[in-house]
Amino acid sequence: MRIGLYTGSFDPFTNGHLHVIRRSLELFDEVVVGIGVNPRKARRFDTSEMQAAIEKTLEREGLGHVRVISYSGLTVDAAEKCGASCLIRGIRNGMDYEYEENLASVNEEISGIDTIYIRAGSMGNISSSMVMELSANGRDVSAYLPEEVNALLK
């Protein structure tokens, strides 16, 4: 069974992230969504609430063979723990690629695990930071978020 691990802060989880999961399911038998928890960074949303919102979104969308976990520490250690053979990263543009390629090189060097990139496609203009900036300034962000995540904003 081929398992891919798709990691991020998902703070918040956007429709762009959902797009990457849909495409990942075309390549893997199972996708594990890993919410990375970094104790040195403040989160906007509680990890367990975001995990529940992602799980509800996946269920509503009928996306089976996906499970959601949270983890701290190195992503390669989380991949080993969940049996992933590959890391999945969504990229929006060349800047994302450069950043992700540096991480992928280190991850492969220390663990041997490979990384694949999935383009965000038409969702490439969406970032969690952009969504939060718009929301903080009173703009409607419902087009960028699954309804379960949008409910957390209110």
N, C-alpha and C. Protein backbone atom coordinates (compact mmCIF):
# COMPACT_ATOMS: atom_id res chain seq x y z
N MET A 1 0.84 -1.18 0.00
CA MET A 1 0.00 0.00 0.00
C MET A 1 0.89 1.24 0.00
N ARG A 2 0.64 2.14 -0.94
CA ARG A 2 1.41 3.40 -1.02
C ARG A 2 0.71 4.46 -0.19
N ILE A 3 1.44 4.97 0.80
CA ILE A 3 0.92 6.01 1.69
C ILE A 3 1.73 7.27 1.48
N GLY A 4 1.03 8.38 1.27
CA GLY A 4 1.67 9.68 1.15
C GLY A 4 1.32 10.54 2.36
N LEU A 5 2.29 11.29 2.84
CA LEU A 5 2.07 12.19 3.98
C LEU A 5 2.08 13.63 3.48
N TYR A 6 0.95 14.30 3.65
CA TYR A 6 0.80 15.71 3.26
C TYR A 6 0.79 16.55 4.52
N THR A 7 1.84 17.33 4.71
CA THR A 7 2.00 18.07 5.96
C THR A 7 1.90 19.58 5.75
N GLY A 8 1.57 20.25 6.82
CA GLY A 8 1.52 21.70 6.84
C GLY A 8 0.99 22.16 8.18
N SER A 9 0.93 23.47 8.34
CA SER A 9 0.33 23.99 9.58
C SER A 9 -1.18 24.01 9.46
N PHE A 10 -1.68 24.13 8.22
CA PHE A 10 -3.13 24.15 7.96
C PHE A 10 -3.83 25.09 8.95
N ASP A 11 -3.32 26.31 9.00
CA ASP A 11 -3.76 27.29 10.00
C ASP A 11 -4.23 28.59 9.35
N PRO A 12 -5.33 28.56 8.59
CA PRO A 12 -6.32 27.48 8.46
C PRO A 12 -6.13 26.62 7.21
N PHE A 13 -6.86 25.53 7.18
CA PHE A 13 -6.96 24.62 6.04
C PHE A 13 -7.82 25.30 4.98
N THR A 14 -7.31 25.38 3.75
CA THR A 14 -8.02 26.11 2.68
C THR A 14 -8.49 25.16 1.58
N ASN A 15 -9.23 25.71 0.64
CA ASN A 15 -9.65 24.93 -0.53
C ASN A 15 -8.45 24.53 -1.38
N GLY A 16 -7.37 25.30 -1.32
CA GLY A 16 -6.13 24.91 -1.99
C GLY A 16 -5.56 23.63 -1.41
N HIS A 17 -5.59 23.52 -0.09
CA HIS A 17 -5.13 22.28 0.57
C HIS A 17 -6.02 21.11 0.16
N LEU A 18 -7.31 21.35 0.10
CA LEU A 18 -8.26 20.31 -0.30
C LEU A 18 -7.97 19.84 -1.73
N HIS A 19 -7.63 20.77 -2.61
CA HIS A 19 -7.26 20.42 -3.99
C HIS A 19 -6.06 19.48 -4.01
N VAL A 20 -5.05 19.77 -3.20
CA VAL A 20 -3.85 18.93 -3.16
C VAL A 20 -4.21 17.53 -2.67
N ILE A 21 -5.09 17.42 -1.70
CA ILE A 21 -5.51 16.10 -1.21
C ILE A 21 -6.22 15.33 -2.31
N ARG A 22 -7.14 15.97 -3.02
CA ARG A 22 -7.85 15.30 -4.12
C ARG A 22 -6.86 14.74 -5.15
N ARG A 23 -5.89 15.55 -5.54
CA ARG A 23 -4.90 15.11 -6.53
C ARG A 23 -4.01 14.00 -5.96
N SER A 24 -3.69 14.08 -4.68
CA SER A 24 -2.85 13.08 -4.04
C SER A 24 -3.51 11.71 -4.04
N LEU A 25 -4.81 11.70 -3.89
CA LEU A 25 -5.55 10.43 -3.88
C LEU A 25 -5.49 9.71 -5.22
N GLU A 26 -5.13 10.43 -6.28
CA GLU A 26 -4.94 9.80 -7.59
C GLU A 26 -3.62 9.04 -7.64
N LEU A 27 -2.72 9.35 -6.72
CA LEU A 27 -1.37 8.77 -6.73
C LEU A 27 -1.11 7.77 -5.61
N PHE A 28 -1.85 7.90 -4.52
CA PHE A 28 -1.59 7.08 -3.33
C PHE A 28 -2.84 6.31 -2.93
N ASP A 29 -2.62 5.16 -2.30
CA ASP A 29 -3.73 4.37 -1.77
C ASP A 29 -4.33 5.03 -0.54
N GLU A 30 -3.48 5.71 0.20
CA GLU A 30 -3.91 6.43 1.40
C GLU A 30 -3.11 7.71 1.52
N VAL A 31 -3.78 8.77 1.95
CA VAL A 31 -3.11 10.04 2.22
C VAL A 31 -3.30 10.35 3.70
N VAL A 32 -2.21 10.66 4.35
CA VAL A 32 -2.25 11.10 5.74
C VAL A 32 -2.00 12.60 5.74
N VAL A 33 -2.94 13.34 6.30
CA VAL A 33 -2.79 14.79 6.44
C VAL A 33 -2.18 15.02 7.82
N GLY A 34 -0.99 15.56 7.84
CA GLY A 34 -0.27 15.79 9.10
C GLY A 34 -0.24 17.26 9.47
N ILE A 35 -0.93 17.60 10.53
CA ILE A 35 -0.90 18.98 11.03
C ILE A 35 0.34 19.14 11.90
N GLY A 36 1.28 19.90 11.39
CA GLY A 36 2.52 20.11 12.12
C GLY A 36 2.33 21.12 13.24
N VAL A 37 2.77 20.74 14.42
CA VAL A 37 2.67 21.63 15.58
C VAL A 37 4.08 22.02 15.99
N ASN A 38 4.36 23.30 15.86
CA ASN A 38 5.67 23.83 16.22
C ASN A 38 5.49 24.67 17.49
N PRO A 39 6.02 24.21 18.62
CA PRO A 39 5.82 24.96 19.88
C PRO A 39 6.42 26.37 19.86
N ARG A 40 7.29 26.66 18.90
CA ARG A 40 7.90 27.99 18.81
C ARG A 40 7.07 28.96 17.97
N LYS A 41 5.97 28.45 17.38
CA LYS A 41 5.11 29.32 16.57
C LYS A 41 3.70 29.34 17.15
N ALA A 42 3.13 30.52 17.20
CA ALA A 42 1.75 30.65 17.68
C ALA A 42 0.80 30.21 16.58
N ARG A 43 -0.22 29.48 16.96
CA ARG A 43 -1.27 29.04 16.03
C ARG A 43 -2.46 29.97 16.15
N ARG A 44 -3.13 30.21 15.05
CA ARG A 44 -4.36 31.00 15.06
C ARG A 44 -5.55 30.15 15.49
N PHE A 45 -5.49 28.85 15.17
CA PHE A 45 -6.60 27.94 15.47
C PHE A 45 -6.08 26.78 16.31
N ASP A 46 -6.91 26.33 17.23
CA ASP A 46 -6.60 25.17 18.04
C ASP A 46 -6.42 23.94 17.13
N THR A 47 -5.36 23.19 17.34
CA THR A 47 -5.05 22.05 16.49
C THR A 47 -6.17 21.03 16.46
N SER A 48 -6.73 20.70 17.61
CA SER A 48 -7.79 19.67 17.64
C SER A 48 -9.05 20.16 16.93
N GLU A 49 -9.37 21.46 17.04
CA GLU A 49 -10.52 22.00 16.33
C GLU A 49 -10.30 21.98 14.81
N MET A 50 -9.08 22.32 14.39
CA MET A 50 -8.79 22.29 12.96
C MET A 50 -8.80 20.85 12.44
N GLN A 51 -8.27 19.93 13.22
CA GLN A 51 -8.28 18.53 12.82
C GLN A 51 -9.72 18.05 12.62
N ALA A 52 -10.59 18.38 13.56
CA ALA A 52 -12.00 17.97 13.45
C ALA A 52 -12.66 18.61 12.22
N ALA A 53 -12.36 19.87 11.94
CA ALA A 53 -12.94 20.56 10.78
C ALA A 53 -12.45 19.91 9.48
N ILE A 54 -11.17 19.55 9.43
CA ILE A 54 -10.63 18.88 8.24
C ILE A 54 -11.31 17.52 8.06
N GLU A 55 -11.43 16.77 9.13
CA GLU A 55 -12.07 15.45 9.04
C GLU A 55 -13.51 15.57 8.56
N LYS A 56 -14.25 16.55 9.06
CA LYS A 56 -15.64 16.76 8.62
C LYS A 56 -15.68 17.15 7.14
N THR A 57 -14.74 17.98 6.71
CA THR A 57 -14.66 18.38 5.30
C THR A 57 -14.43 17.16 4.42
N LEU A 58 -13.48 16.33 4.80
CA LEU A 58 -13.16 15.14 4.01
C LEU A 58 -14.35 14.20 3.93
N GLU A 59 -15.06 14.06 5.04
CA GLU A 59 -16.25 13.21 5.06
C GLU A 59 -17.33 13.78 4.14
N ARG A 60 -17.60 15.06 4.25
CA ARG A 60 -18.61 15.69 3.40
C ARG A 60 -18.26 15.58 1.93
N GLU A 61 -16.98 15.70 1.61
CA GLU A 61 -16.52 15.62 0.23
C GLU A 61 -16.43 14.18 -0.29
N GLY A 62 -16.66 13.21 0.61
CA GLY A 62 -16.60 11.80 0.21
C GLY A 62 -15.20 11.32 -0.11
N LEU A 63 -14.21 11.91 0.55
CA LEU A 63 -12.82 11.55 0.31
C LEU A 63 -12.38 10.51 1.32
N GLY A 64 -12.50 9.25 0.93
CA GLY A 64 -12.04 8.16 1.79
C GLY A 64 -10.54 7.98 1.64
N HIS A 65 -10.01 7.08 2.40
CA HIS A 65 -8.59 6.76 2.37
C HIS A 65 -7.71 7.94 2.75
N VAL A 66 -8.27 8.83 3.58
CA VAL A 66 -7.51 9.96 4.11
C VAL A 66 -7.71 9.97 5.62
N ARG A 67 -6.63 10.11 6.35
CA ARG A 67 -6.74 10.29 7.80
C ARG A 67 -5.94 11.51 8.20
N VAL A 68 -6.32 12.09 9.31
CA VAL A 68 -5.70 13.34 9.77
C VAL A 68 -5.04 13.08 11.11
N ILE A 69 -3.79 13.50 11.22
CA ILE A 69 -3.04 13.38 12.47
C ILE A 69 -2.44 14.74 12.80
N SER A 70 -1.99 14.89 14.02
CA SER A 70 -1.15 16.03 14.36
C SER A 70 0.16 15.46 14.87
N TYR A 71 1.23 16.21 14.70
CA TYR A 71 2.54 15.74 15.13
C TYR A 71 3.43 16.93 15.44
N SER A 72 4.46 16.69 16.21
CA SER A 72 5.50 17.69 16.43
C SER A 72 6.82 17.00 16.15
N GLY A 73 7.84 17.77 15.97
CA GLY A 73 9.14 17.20 15.63
C GLY A 73 9.34 17.17 14.14
N LEU A 74 10.24 16.31 13.70
CA LEU A 74 10.59 16.24 12.28
C LEU A 74 9.52 15.54 11.46
N THR A 75 9.26 16.08 10.30
CA THR A 75 8.28 15.50 9.39
C THR A 75 8.69 14.10 8.97
N VAL A 76 9.98 13.86 8.76
CA VAL A 76 10.43 12.53 8.35
C VAL A 76 10.15 11.49 9.43
N ASP A 77 10.19 11.90 10.69
CA ASP A 77 9.86 10.97 11.77
C ASP A 77 8.37 10.65 11.76
N ALA A 78 7.53 11.66 11.49
CA ALA A 78 6.09 11.43 11.37
C ALA A 78 5.80 10.50 10.20
N ALA A 79 6.53 10.69 9.10
CA ALA A 79 6.34 9.83 7.92
C ALA A 79 6.67 8.38 8.24
N GLU A 80 7.77 8.16 8.94
CA GLU A 80 8.14 6.81 9.32
C GLU A 80 7.08 6.19 10.23
N LYS A 81 6.60 6.97 11.18
CA LYS A 81 5.62 6.48 12.13
C LYS A 81 4.31 6.06 11.45
N CYS A 82 3.88 6.80 10.42
CA CYS A 82 2.61 6.47 9.76
C CYS A 82 2.80 5.59 8.53
N GLY A 83 4.02 5.18 8.26
CA GLY A 83 4.28 4.26 7.15
C GLY A 83 4.28 4.90 5.77
N ALA A 84 4.50 6.20 5.70
CA ALA A 84 4.48 6.90 4.41
C ALA A 84 5.75 6.62 3.62
N SER A 85 5.58 6.43 2.33
CA SER A 85 6.72 6.20 1.44
C SER A 85 7.15 7.49 0.74
N CYS A 86 6.35 8.54 0.89
CA CYS A 86 6.62 9.77 0.18
C CYS A 86 5.98 10.95 0.92
N LEU A 87 6.63 12.10 0.86
CA LEU A 87 6.06 13.34 1.38
C LEU A 87 5.36 14.06 0.23
N ILE A 88 4.24 14.69 0.52
CA ILE A 88 3.47 15.44 -0.46
C ILE A 88 3.53 16.92 -0.08
N ARG A 89 3.84 17.75 -1.05
CA ARG A 89 3.86 19.19 -0.79
C ARG A 89 3.11 19.89 -1.91
N GLY A 90 2.27 20.83 -1.54
CA GLY A 90 1.58 21.66 -2.51
C GLY A 90 2.44 22.87 -2.81
N ILE A 91 2.50 23.23 -4.10
CA ILE A 91 3.25 24.43 -4.46
C ILE A 91 2.37 25.36 -5.30
N ARG A 92 2.54 26.65 -5.06
CA ARG A 92 1.75 27.65 -5.76
C ARG A 92 2.55 28.37 -6.83
N ASN A 93 3.86 28.50 -6.61
CA ASN A 93 4.68 29.30 -7.51
C ASN A 93 6.15 28.92 -7.35
N GLY A 94 7.00 29.62 -8.08
CA GLY A 94 8.42 29.34 -8.05
C GLY A 94 9.06 29.55 -6.69
N MET A 95 8.57 30.53 -5.94
CA MET A 95 9.12 30.77 -4.60
C MET A 95 8.82 29.58 -3.70
N ASP A 96 7.61 29.04 -3.78
CA ASP A 96 7.28 27.84 -3.01
C ASP A 96 8.21 26.69 -3.40
N TYR A 97 8.44 26.53 -4.71
CA TYR A 97 9.29 25.44 -5.18
C TYR A 97 10.69 25.54 -4.60
N GLU A 98 11.28 26.71 -4.65
CA GLU A 98 12.64 26.89 -4.13
C GLU A 98 12.71 26.53 -2.64
N TYR A 99 11.75 27.01 -1.87
CA TYR A 99 11.71 26.71 -0.44
C TYR A 99 11.53 25.21 -0.21
N GLU A 100 10.56 24.61 -0.89
CA GLU A 100 10.26 23.19 -0.70
C GLU A 100 11.41 22.30 -1.16
N GLU A 101 12.08 22.70 -2.23
CA GLU A 101 13.18 21.88 -2.75
C GLU A 101 14.33 21.80 -1.74
N ASN A 102 14.58 22.89 -1.02
CA ASN A 102 15.60 22.86 0.02
C ASN A 102 15.23 21.89 1.13
N LEU A 103 13.97 21.94 1.57
CA LEU A 103 13.51 21.00 2.60
C LEU A 103 13.56 19.56 2.11
N ALA A 104 13.13 19.35 0.87
CA ALA A 104 13.11 18.00 0.31
C ALA A 104 14.51 17.40 0.26
N SER A 105 15.49 18.21 -0.09
CA SER A 105 16.88 17.73 -0.15
C SER A 105 17.36 17.26 1.21
N VAL A 106 17.08 18.05 2.23
CA VAL A 106 17.49 17.68 3.59
C VAL A 106 16.73 16.43 4.05
N ASN A 107 15.42 16.40 3.81
CA ASN A 107 14.63 15.24 4.23
C ASN A 107 15.13 13.95 3.56
N GLU A 108 15.46 14.05 2.28
CA GLU A 108 15.96 12.86 1.57
C GLU A 108 17.33 12.46 2.11
N GLU A 109 18.16 13.44 2.40
CA GLU A 109 19.49 13.16 2.91
C GLU A 109 19.45 12.45 4.27
N ILE A 110 18.56 12.89 5.17
CA ILE A 110 18.56 12.32 6.52
C ILE A 110 17.69 11.07 6.66
N SER A 111 16.77 10.86 5.69
CA SER A 111 15.88 9.71 5.87
C SER A 111 15.70 8.85 4.63
N GLY A 112 16.08 9.36 3.47
CA GLY A 112 15.87 8.62 2.23
C GLY A 112 14.48 8.78 1.64
N ILE A 113 13.61 9.50 2.31
CA ILE A 113 12.24 9.66 1.81
C ILE A 113 12.20 10.72 0.70
N ASP A 114 11.40 10.44 -0.31
CA ASP A 114 11.26 11.35 -1.44
C ASP A 114 10.08 12.30 -1.21
N THR A 115 10.07 13.39 -1.94
CA THR A 115 9.00 14.38 -1.88
C THR A 115 8.44 14.59 -3.27
N ILE A 116 7.11 14.63 -3.38
CA ILE A 116 6.50 15.01 -4.65
C ILE A 116 5.79 16.34 -4.45
N TYR A 117 5.68 17.09 -5.53
CA TYR A 117 5.01 18.39 -5.50
C TYR A 117 3.73 18.29 -6.32
N ILE A 118 2.69 18.85 -5.78
CA ILE A 118 1.43 18.93 -6.51
C ILE A 118 1.08 20.40 -6.63
N ARG A 119 0.89 20.82 -7.88
CA ARG A 119 0.55 22.22 -8.14
C ARG A 119 -0.82 22.54 -7.57
N ALA A 120 -0.95 23.72 -7.06
CA ALA A 120 -2.23 24.17 -6.51
C ALA A 120 -3.22 24.52 -7.62
N GLY A 121 -2.75 24.59 -8.87
CA GLY A 121 -3.64 24.87 -9.99
C GLY A 121 -4.36 26.19 -9.82
N SER A 122 -5.66 26.18 -10.05
CA SER A 122 -6.45 27.42 -9.96
C SER A 122 -6.53 27.94 -8.53
N MET A 123 -6.09 27.15 -7.56
CA MET A 123 -6.09 27.57 -6.17
C MET A 123 -4.76 28.21 -5.78
N GLY A 124 -3.89 28.43 -6.75
CA GLY A 124 -2.55 28.93 -6.48
C GLY A 124 -2.47 30.31 -5.86
N ASN A 125 -3.55 31.07 -5.91
CA ASN A 125 -3.52 32.40 -5.31
C ASN A 125 -3.94 32.39 -3.84
N ILE A 126 -4.27 31.22 -3.32
CA ILE A 126 -4.77 31.13 -1.95
C ILE A 126 -3.64 30.74 -1.00
N SER A 127 -3.50 31.50 0.07
CA SER A 127 -2.60 31.11 1.16
C SER A 127 -3.36 31.32 2.46
N SER A 128 -2.99 30.58 3.46
CA SER A 128 -3.62 30.75 4.77
C SER A 128 -3.44 32.17 5.29
N SER A 129 -2.26 32.74 5.09
CA SER A 129 -1.99 34.10 5.55
C SER A 129 -2.87 35.11 4.84
N MET A 130 -3.04 34.94 3.53
CA MET A 130 -3.89 35.85 2.76
C MET A 130 -5.33 35.77 3.25
N VAL A 131 -5.80 34.56 3.48
CA VAL A 131 -7.17 34.37 3.97
C VAL A 131 -7.36 35.08 5.30
N MET A 132 -6.40 34.93 6.20
CA MET A 132 -6.53 35.55 7.52
C MET A 132 -6.46 37.07 7.44
N GLU A 133 -5.64 37.60 6.55
CA GLU A 133 -5.54 39.05 6.37
C GLU A 133 -6.87 39.61 5.86
N LEU A 134 -7.45 38.94 4.86
CA LEU A 134 -8.74 39.38 4.34
C LEU A 134 -9.81 39.32 5.43
N SER A 135 -9.83 38.22 6.16
CA SER A 135 -10.83 38.04 7.22
C SER A 135 -10.68 39.11 8.31
N ALA A 136 -9.44 39.39 8.69
CA ALA A 136 -9.18 40.39 9.74
C ALA A 136 -9.65 41.79 9.32
N ASN A 137 -9.75 41.99 8.01
CA ASN A 137 -10.20 43.28 7.49
C ASN A 137 -11.64 43.24 7.01
N GLY A 138 -12.39 42.30 7.54
CA GLY A 138 -13.83 42.26 7.31
C GLY A 138 -14.28 41.71 5.97
N ARG A 139 -13.40 41.09 5.21
CA ARG A 139 -13.77 40.55 3.90
C ARG A 139 -14.31 39.13 4.02
N ASP A 140 -15.19 38.78 3.13
CA ASP A 140 -15.76 37.43 3.08
C ASP A 140 -14.72 36.48 2.49
N VAL A 141 -14.36 35.45 3.22
CA VAL A 141 -13.37 34.48 2.75
C VAL A 141 -13.98 33.10 2.49
N SER A 142 -15.29 33.03 2.47
CA SER A 142 -15.95 31.73 2.33
C SER A 142 -15.60 31.02 1.02
N ALA A 143 -15.23 31.74 -0.01
CA ALA A 143 -14.86 31.11 -1.28
C ALA A 143 -13.51 30.40 -1.19
N TYR A 144 -12.73 30.71 -0.17
CA TYR A 144 -11.39 30.15 -0.05
C TYR A 144 -11.28 29.01 0.96
N LEU A 145 -12.35 28.80 1.74
CA LEU A 145 -12.31 27.83 2.83
C LEU A 145 -13.46 26.83 2.72
N PRO A 146 -13.20 25.58 3.11
CA PRO A 146 -14.32 24.66 3.25
C PRO A 146 -15.27 25.21 4.32
N GLU A 147 -16.55 24.90 4.19
CA GLU A 147 -17.54 25.46 5.12
C GLU A 147 -17.25 25.11 6.58
N GLU A 148 -16.68 23.93 6.83
CA GLU A 148 -16.39 23.52 8.21
C GLU A 148 -15.29 24.38 8.81
N VAL A 149 -14.34 24.80 7.99
CA VAL A 149 -13.25 25.67 8.46
C VAL A 149 -13.76 27.11 8.58
N ASN A 150 -14.55 27.53 7.62
CA ASN A 150 -15.10 28.88 7.67
C ASN A 150 -15.90 29.08 8.95
N ALA A 151 -16.58 28.04 9.41
CA ALA A 151 -17.36 28.14 10.65
C ALA A 151 -16.47 28.45 11.86
N LEU A 152 -15.21 28.02 11.82
CA LEU A 152 -14.28 28.31 12.93
C LEU A 152 -13.94 29.79 13.01
N LEU A 153 -14.02 30.49 11.89
CA LEU A 153 -13.72 31.91 11.86
C LEU A 153 -14.78 32.75 12.56
N LYS A 154 -15.98 32.23 12.57
CA LYS A 154 -17.11 33.02 13.09
C LYS A 154 -17.28 32.88 14.58
